[in-house]
N, C-alpha and C. Protein backbone atom coordinates (compact mmCIF):
# COMPACT_ATOMS: atom_id res chain seq x y z
N UNK A 1 0.48 -1.40 -0.25
CA UNK A 1 -0.11 0.09 0.42
C UNK A 1 1.07 0.99 -0.43
N UNK A 2 2.80 1.28 0.63
CA UNK A 2 2.79 2.84 0.65
C UNK A 2 3.19 2.64 -0.57
N UNK A 3 3.69 2.02 -1.37
CA UNK A 3 4.05 1.40 -2.46
C UNK A 3 3.27 2.39 -3.33
N UNK A 4 1.60 2.11 -3.83
CA UNK A 4 0.90 2.49 -4.33
C UNK A 4 1.12 3.95 -3.73
N UNK A 5 1.06 4.57 -2.47
CA UNK A 5 0.96 6.14 -2.16
C UNK A 5 2.44 7.10 -2.67
N UNK A 6 3.28 6.17 -1.99
CA UNK A 6 4.03 7.41 -3.39
C UNK A 6 4.74 7.36 -4.66
N UNK A 7 4.30 6.42 -5.55
CA UNK A 7 3.84 6.17 -6.81
C UNK A 7 2.70 6.86 -7.58
N UNK A 8 1.95 7.08 -6.54
CA UNK A 8 1.07 7.71 -6.17
C UNK A 8 0.97 9.26 -5.96
N UNK A 9 1.83 9.96 -5.61
CA UNK A 9 2.75 11.03 -4.83
C UNK A 9 3.10 11.33 -5.76
N UNK A 10 4.38 10.31 -7.11
CA UNK A 10 5.31 11.01 -7.95
C UNK A 10 4.34 11.32 -8.69
N UNK A 11 3.27 10.26 -9.36
CA UNK A 11 2.71 10.73 -11.12
C UNK A 11 2.09 12.87 -10.11
N UNK A 12 1.08 12.37 -8.69
CA UNK A 12 1.42 14.43 -8.43
C UNK A 12 2.13 15.33 -9.19
N UNK A 13 3.57 14.11 -7.95
CA UNK A 13 4.41 15.59 -8.41
C UNK A 13 4.75 15.95 -9.66
N UNK A 14 4.66 14.83 -10.60
CA UNK A 14 4.50 15.34 -12.53
C UNK A 14 4.15 15.67 -13.01
N UNK A 15 2.26 15.27 -12.71
CA UNK A 15 1.22 16.30 -13.09
C UNK A 15 1.72 17.76 -12.24
N UNK A 16 2.01 18.49 -11.45
CA UNK A 16 2.92 19.62 -10.94
C UNK A 16 3.49 20.04 -11.85
N UNK A 17 3.86 19.71 -12.44
CA UNK A 17 6.01 20.23 -13.05
C UNK A 17 5.23 20.15 -14.18
N UNK A 18 3.71 19.50 -15.17
CA UNK A 18 3.65 19.96 -15.87
C UNK A 18 2.67 20.89 -16.42
N UNK A 19 1.29 20.62 -15.28
CA UNK A 19 0.82 21.96 -15.19
C UNK A 19 1.34 23.31 -14.49
N UNK A 20 2.15 23.21 -14.36
CA UNK A 20 3.41 24.50 -13.79
C UNK A 20 3.59 25.31 -14.82
N UNK A 21 3.30 23.95 -16.25
CA UNK A 21 4.33 25.18 -16.90
C UNK A 21 3.53 25.23 -18.26
N UNK A 22 2.51 25.30 -17.78
CA UNK A 22 1.37 26.17 -19.12
C UNK A 22 0.54 27.52 -18.79
N UNK A 23 -0.02 28.25 -19.09
CA UNK A 23 0.49 29.70 -18.72
C UNK A 23 -0.95 29.59 -17.33
N UNK A 24 -0.60 30.66 -16.32
CA UNK A 24 -1.87 30.43 -15.41
C UNK A 24 -2.91 31.07 -15.55
N UNK A 25 -3.66 30.99 -14.53
CA UNK A 25 -5.26 32.09 -14.59
C UNK A 25 -4.51 33.43 -13.80
N UNK A 26 -5.19 34.85 -13.80
CA UNK A 26 -4.53 34.98 -13.15
C UNK A 26 -4.92 35.26 -11.69
N UNK A 27 -4.35 35.21 -10.39
CA UNK A 27 -4.90 35.40 -9.07
C UNK A 27 -6.22 35.82 -8.54
N UNK A 28 -6.52 36.45 -8.78
CA UNK A 28 -8.60 36.70 -8.97
C UNK A 28 -8.93 35.92 -9.28
N UNK A 29 -8.51 35.05 -10.46
CA UNK A 29 -8.84 34.68 -11.27
C UNK A 29 -9.45 33.44 -10.95
N UNK A 30 -8.21 32.71 -10.03
CA UNK A 30 -8.34 31.78 -9.43
C UNK A 30 -8.80 31.80 -7.64
N UNK A 31 -8.56 33.16 -7.19
CA UNK A 31 -8.60 32.93 -5.92
C UNK A 31 -11.17 32.84 -5.91
N UNK A 32 -11.00 33.39 -7.32
CA UNK A 32 -12.81 33.42 -7.45
C UNK A 32 -13.21 31.37 -7.56
N UNK A 33 -12.12 30.92 -8.56
CA UNK A 33 -12.52 29.64 -8.65
C UNK A 33 -12.57 28.89 -7.82
N UNK A 34 -11.97 29.10 -6.20
CA UNK A 34 -11.79 28.30 -5.39
C UNK A 34 -13.10 28.51 -4.13
N UNK A 35 -13.45 29.62 -4.20
CA UNK A 35 -14.87 30.12 -3.71
C UNK A 35 -15.88 29.18 -4.30
N UNK A 36 -15.97 28.98 -5.44
CA UNK A 36 -16.76 28.78 -6.52
C UNK A 36 -17.25 27.11 -6.04
N UNK A 37 -15.36 26.13 -6.43
CA UNK A 37 -15.55 25.19 -6.58
C UNK A 37 -16.29 24.54 -4.62
N UNK A 38 -16.59 24.55 -4.04
CA UNK A 38 -17.23 23.96 -3.20
C UNK A 38 -18.86 24.10 -3.74
N UNK A 39 -19.23 25.00 -4.15
CA UNK A 39 -20.87 24.89 -4.67
C UNK A 39 -21.06 23.66 -6.11
N UNK A 40 -19.97 24.24 -7.05
CA UNK A 40 -19.42 23.55 -8.57
C UNK A 40 -19.95 22.18 -7.84
N UNK A 41 -18.93 20.86 -7.15
CA UNK A 41 -18.78 20.02 -6.22
C UNK A 41 -20.08 19.63 -6.14
N UNK A 42 -21.00 20.29 -4.87
CA UNK A 42 -22.46 20.15 -5.04
C UNK A 42 -23.68 20.14 -5.91
N UNK A 43 -23.21 21.11 -6.45
CA UNK A 43 -23.99 20.93 -7.62
C UNK A 43 -23.89 19.67 -8.80
N UNK A 44 -22.53 19.64 -8.62
CA UNK A 44 -22.37 18.31 -9.35
C UNK A 44 -22.65 16.95 -9.67
N UNK A 45 -22.43 16.99 -8.06
CA UNK A 45 -22.57 16.13 -7.67
C UNK A 45 -24.39 15.52 -7.72
N UNK A 46 -25.25 16.73 -7.54
CA UNK A 46 -26.77 16.11 -7.33
C UNK A 46 -27.33 16.07 -8.54
N UNK A 47 -27.05 17.24 -10.33
CA UNK A 47 -27.18 16.76 -11.19
C UNK A 47 -26.48 14.87 -11.74
N UNK A 48 -25.44 14.97 -10.98
CA UNK A 48 -24.86 13.54 -11.34
C UNK A 48 -26.04 12.01 -10.91
N UNK A 49 -26.38 12.68 -9.27
CA UNK A 49 -26.73 11.75 -8.76
C UNK A 49 -29.07 11.23 -9.04
N UNK A 50 -29.09 12.89 -9.72
CA UNK A 50 -30.52 12.39 -10.63
C UNK A 50 -30.42 12.21 -11.76
N UNK A 51 -29.87 12.49 -12.99
CA UNK A 51 -29.00 11.52 -13.68
C UNK A 51 -29.06 9.84 -13.72
N UNK A 52 -28.55 9.25 -12.53
CA UNK A 52 -28.00 8.51 -12.59
C UNK A 52 -29.25 7.29 -11.85
N UNK A 53 -30.46 8.24 -11.18
CA UNK A 53 -31.76 7.92 -10.30
C UNK A 53 -32.27 7.73 -11.68
N UNK A 54 -31.88 8.87 -12.84
CA UNK A 54 -33.14 8.41 -14.19
C UNK A 54 -32.84 7.07 -14.82
N UNK A 55 -31.68 6.80 -15.39
CA UNK A 55 -31.59 6.56 -16.00
C UNK A 55 -31.24 4.67 -15.57
N UNK A 56 -31.41 4.47 -13.83
CA UNK A 56 -31.49 3.43 -13.84
C UNK A 56 -32.91 2.62 -14.44
N UNK A 57 -34.04 3.81 -14.01
CA UNK A 57 -35.92 3.23 -15.03
C UNK A 57 -35.44 2.82 -16.14
N UNK A 58 -34.87 3.30 -17.09
CA UNK A 58 -33.86 3.04 -18.85
C UNK A 58 -32.95 1.56 -18.76
N UNK A 59 -32.21 1.56 -18.10
CA UNK A 59 -30.70 0.56 -17.92
C UNK A 59 -31.44 -0.59 -17.94
N UNK A 60 -32.38 -1.25 -16.76
CA UNK A 60 -33.29 -2.62 -17.47
C UNK A 60 -33.81 -3.09 -19.17
N UNK A 61 -34.33 -1.72 -19.42
CA UNK A 61 -34.75 -1.34 -21.04
C UNK A 61 -33.41 -1.87 -21.65
N UNK A 62 -31.95 -1.29 -21.52
CA UNK A 62 -31.20 -1.32 -22.34
C UNK A 62 -29.86 -2.43 -22.48
N UNK A 63 -29.66 -2.23 -20.76
CA UNK A 63 -28.87 -3.46 -20.62
C UNK A 63 -28.06 -4.16 -21.57
N UNK A 64 -27.12 -2.75 -21.45
CA UNK A 64 -25.82 -3.36 -22.48
C UNK A 64 -25.07 -2.56 -21.33
N UNK A 65 -23.59 -3.76 -21.52
CA UNK A 65 -22.16 -3.04 -20.35
C UNK A 65 -21.61 -2.19 -20.95
N UNK A 66 -21.98 -1.38 -21.81
CA UNK A 66 -21.34 -0.27 -21.38
C UNK A 66 -22.54 0.72 -21.09
N UNK A 67 -23.86 0.75 -20.75
CA UNK A 67 -24.28 1.36 -20.26
C UNK A 67 -24.73 1.80 -18.75
N UNK A 68 -24.14 -0.10 -17.59
CA UNK A 68 -24.35 -0.15 -16.91
C UNK A 68 -22.23 0.09 -16.27
N UNK A 69 -22.10 0.22 -17.37
CA UNK A 69 -19.66 0.85 -16.80
C UNK A 69 -20.29 2.18 -16.40
N UNK A 70 -20.97 3.04 -17.21
CA UNK A 70 -21.93 4.19 -17.00
C UNK A 70 -22.07 4.87 -15.52
N UNK A 71 -22.42 4.11 -15.08
CA UNK A 71 -23.34 3.86 -14.17
C UNK A 71 -22.60 3.61 -13.07
N UNK A 72 -21.93 2.99 -13.44
CA UNK A 72 -21.02 2.64 -12.02
C UNK A 72 -19.87 3.84 -12.48
N UNK A 73 -19.42 4.40 -13.52
CA UNK A 73 -18.63 5.38 -13.14
C UNK A 73 -19.36 6.75 -12.94
N UNK A 74 -20.71 6.98 -12.79
CA UNK A 74 -20.83 8.08 -12.73
C UNK A 74 -21.68 7.94 -10.52
N UNK A 75 -21.69 6.87 -10.56
CA UNK A 75 -21.94 6.39 -9.36
C UNK A 75 -20.83 7.24 -8.39
N UNK A 76 -19.29 6.53 -8.67
CA UNK A 76 -18.29 6.42 -7.74
C UNK A 76 -18.35 8.09 -8.57
N UNK A 77 -18.16 8.31 -9.48
CA UNK A 77 -17.88 10.25 -9.52
C UNK A 77 -18.72 11.46 -8.48
N UNK A 78 -19.72 10.59 -8.83
CA UNK A 78 -21.46 11.62 -7.58
C UNK A 78 -20.46 11.08 -6.01
N UNK A 79 -20.40 10.01 -5.79
CA UNK A 79 -20.12 9.99 -4.52
C UNK A 79 -18.88 10.56 -3.93
N UNK A 80 -17.85 11.16 -4.71
CA UNK A 80 -16.59 11.72 -4.73
C UNK A 80 -16.76 13.33 -4.57
N UNK A 81 -18.08 13.28 -5.34
CA UNK A 81 -18.15 15.18 -5.26
C UNK A 81 -18.48 15.75 -3.94
N UNK A 82 -19.88 14.16 -3.41
CA UNK A 82 -20.93 14.80 -2.35
C UNK A 82 -19.67 14.78 -0.69
N UNK A 83 -18.48 13.60 -0.85
CA UNK A 83 -17.75 13.26 0.16
C UNK A 83 -17.07 14.69 0.06
N UNK A 84 -16.74 15.43 -1.09
CA UNK A 84 -15.70 16.93 -0.87
C UNK A 84 -15.85 17.25 -1.07
N UNK A 85 -17.36 17.66 -0.65
CA UNK A 85 -18.18 19.03 -0.70
C UNK A 85 -17.64 19.87 1.50
N UNK A 86 -18.40 18.86 2.24
CA UNK A 86 -17.41 18.99 3.19
C UNK A 86 -16.17 19.07 3.43
N UNK A 87 -14.59 18.75 3.01
CA UNK A 87 -13.55 19.00 2.91
C UNK A 87 -13.47 20.15 2.07
N UNK A 88 -14.48 20.78 1.23
CA UNK A 88 -14.17 22.13 0.61
C UNK A 88 -14.45 23.73 1.16
N UNK A 89 -15.07 22.89 1.62
CA UNK A 89 -15.65 24.39 2.49
C UNK A 89 -14.94 24.01 3.80
N UNK A 90 -14.60 23.11 4.40
CA UNK A 90 -12.98 24.46 5.75
C UNK A 90 -11.46 23.65 4.87
N UNK A 91 -11.35 23.94 3.25
CA UNK A 91 -10.32 24.36 3.14
C UNK A 91 -8.78 23.30 3.12
N UNK A 92 -9.52 21.95 3.13
CA UNK A 92 -8.47 20.73 3.62
C UNK A 92 -8.14 20.46 2.02
N UNK A 93 -6.93 20.01 2.66
CA UNK A 93 -6.02 19.16 0.89
C UNK A 93 -6.85 18.32 0.50
N UNK A 94 -7.51 17.49 1.50
CA UNK A 94 -8.32 16.28 1.23
C UNK A 94 -9.66 16.09 -0.09
N UNK A 95 -10.63 17.61 -0.23
CA UNK A 95 -10.97 17.50 -1.22
C UNK A 95 -10.59 18.14 -2.47
N UNK A 96 -9.33 18.17 -2.50
CA UNK A 96 -8.63 18.12 -3.86
C UNK A 96 -8.01 16.84 -4.10
N UNK A 97 -7.71 16.13 -3.53
CA UNK A 97 -7.78 14.81 -3.47
C UNK A 97 -9.01 13.90 -4.28
N UNK A 98 -10.19 14.57 -3.46
CA UNK A 98 -11.28 13.95 -4.22
C UNK A 98 -11.22 13.78 -5.24
N UNK A 99 -11.60 15.08 -6.00
CA UNK A 99 -11.97 15.48 -6.68
C UNK A 99 -10.94 15.32 -8.25
N UNK A 100 -9.79 14.99 -7.90
CA UNK A 100 -8.36 14.42 -8.09
C UNK A 100 -8.21 13.23 -8.71
N UNK A 101 -9.45 11.90 -7.99
CA UNK A 101 -9.41 10.67 -8.13
C UNK A 101 -10.78 10.91 -8.79
N UNK A 102 -11.56 11.90 -8.36
CA UNK A 102 -12.75 11.82 -9.21
C UNK A 102 -12.54 11.85 -11.18
N UNK A 103 -11.78 12.42 -10.94
CA UNK A 103 -11.17 13.14 -12.28
C UNK A 103 -10.69 11.88 -13.90
N UNK A 104 -9.23 11.33 -12.74
CA UNK A 104 -9.02 9.95 -13.47
C UNK A 104 -10.00 8.96 -13.33
N UNK A 105 -11.34 9.04 -12.26
CA UNK A 105 -12.23 7.49 -12.56
C UNK A 105 -12.54 8.13 -14.10
N UNK A 106 -13.19 9.45 -13.87
CA UNK A 106 -13.91 9.81 -15.42
C UNK A 106 -12.66 9.24 -16.12
N UNK A 107 -11.99 9.94 -16.37
CA UNK A 107 -10.58 9.27 -17.90
C UNK A 107 -10.60 8.38 -18.47
N UNK A 108 -10.54 7.19 -16.84
CA UNK A 108 -10.90 6.22 -16.79
C UNK A 108 -12.17 5.66 -17.85
N UNK A 109 -13.31 5.92 -17.15
CA UNK A 109 -14.50 5.50 -18.04
C UNK A 109 -14.58 6.48 -19.67
N UNK A 110 -13.52 7.44 -19.92
CA UNK A 110 -13.98 8.24 -20.94
C UNK A 110 -12.92 7.38 -21.78
N UNK A 111 -11.69 7.13 -21.50
CA UNK A 111 -10.79 6.10 -22.31
C UNK A 111 -12.02 4.95 -22.85
N UNK A 112 -12.08 4.37 -21.91
CA UNK A 112 -13.04 2.57 -22.01
C UNK A 112 -13.54 2.94 -22.40
N UNK A 113 -14.66 3.68 -22.90
CA UNK A 113 -15.84 3.94 -23.50
C UNK A 113 -15.55 4.96 -24.81
N UNK A 114 -14.30 5.03 -25.18
CA UNK A 114 -14.06 5.77 -26.68
C UNK A 114 -14.79 7.12 -26.53
N UNK A 115 -14.78 7.59 -25.33
CA UNK A 115 -15.24 9.11 -25.64
C UNK A 115 -14.19 10.16 -26.02
N UNK A 116 -14.08 10.48 -26.15
CA UNK A 116 -12.96 11.60 -27.23
C UNK A 116 -13.32 12.98 -26.18
N UNK A 117 -14.51 13.84 -26.66
CA UNK A 117 -14.39 14.85 -26.18
C UNK A 117 -14.09 14.57 -24.54
N UNK A 118 -14.86 13.48 -24.18
CA UNK A 118 -14.09 13.27 -22.30
C UNK A 118 -13.19 13.71 -22.09
N UNK A 119 -12.28 13.10 -22.60
CA UNK A 119 -10.57 13.79 -22.98
C UNK A 119 -9.94 15.11 -21.73
N UNK A 120 -10.63 15.95 -22.85
CA UNK A 120 -10.51 16.64 -23.53
C UNK A 120 -11.32 17.69 -21.95
N UNK A 121 -12.89 17.00 -21.70
CA UNK A 121 -13.12 17.77 -20.17
C UNK A 121 -12.21 17.96 -19.33
N UNK A 122 -11.32 16.81 -19.20
CA UNK A 122 -10.55 16.16 -18.29
C UNK A 122 -9.41 16.66 -18.48
N UNK A 123 -8.71 16.76 -19.03
CA UNK A 123 -7.79 17.69 -19.21
C UNK A 123 -8.18 18.96 -18.89
N UNK A 124 -8.96 19.43 -19.69
CA UNK A 124 -9.57 21.43 -18.27
C UNK A 124 -9.56 20.87 -17.38
N UNK A 125 -10.30 19.81 -17.07
CA UNK A 125 -10.62 19.94 -15.51
C UNK A 125 -9.37 19.69 -15.08
N UNK A 126 -8.62 18.80 -15.20
CA UNK A 126 -7.20 19.02 -14.04
C UNK A 126 -6.24 20.12 -14.76
N UNK A 127 -6.67 21.08 -15.78
CA UNK A 127 -5.57 22.48 -15.20
C UNK A 127 -6.82 23.18 -14.35
N UNK A 128 -7.60 23.01 -14.42
CA UNK A 128 -7.89 23.56 -12.44
C UNK A 128 -8.15 23.89 -11.86
N UNK A 129 -8.22 22.12 -11.51
CA UNK A 129 -7.88 21.71 -10.16
C UNK A 129 -6.19 21.99 -10.20
N UNK A 130 -5.28 21.95 -11.48
CA UNK A 130 -4.02 22.06 -11.03
C UNK A 130 -3.54 23.89 -10.86
N UNK A 131 -4.51 25.00 -11.25
CA UNK A 131 -4.46 26.08 -10.98
C UNK A 131 -5.18 26.31 -9.32
N UNK A 132 -5.66 25.27 -8.92
CA UNK A 132 -6.13 25.85 -7.46
C UNK A 132 -5.34 25.13 -6.51
N UNK A 133 -4.99 24.53 -6.81
CA UNK A 133 -4.01 23.20 -5.58
C UNK A 133 -3.36 23.95 -5.33
N UNK A 134 -2.64 25.51 -4.90
CA UNK A 134 -1.99 25.97 -3.92
C UNK A 134 -2.47 26.36 -2.65
N UNK A 135 -3.90 26.86 -3.27
CA UNK A 135 -4.70 26.75 -1.63
C UNK A 135 -4.29 25.69 -1.22
N UNK A 136 -4.84 25.12 -1.20
CA UNK A 136 -5.05 23.69 -0.55
C UNK A 136 -3.91 22.76 -0.03
N UNK A 137 -3.28 23.00 -0.45
CA UNK A 137 -1.24 22.01 0.24
C UNK A 137 -1.22 22.32 1.12
N UNK A 138 -1.83 21.62 2.00
CA UNK A 138 -1.36 22.15 3.80
C UNK A 138 -0.63 20.37 3.97
């Protein structure tokens, strides 16, 4: 388990170096994003949960592996968004980790389901997460 944590920390640091080399958002823009992230996280979690609740009614009719896989990915992302909400309001680094894990789960789903626009969404999400990361590294 410790090896996994070390490898994951190295992966995160490599991403920090990569996103450190791209153009940055201005300071006041980053502060605005930091102040909005808790509410956005909660809204996304609710939208995901409602969408998944509605999809559950149609899945027995469709019943494809791809559909069920999408629901499982969506549920795991919604749970991480809900869990991150309390930490977001407190300004803790653990929220950032949960949103980071949620983004990685989303990327996994996008790659498996071959959703190219989702990969671009992942890159945008990573850019924003790494722009506001310094506010939460404690």
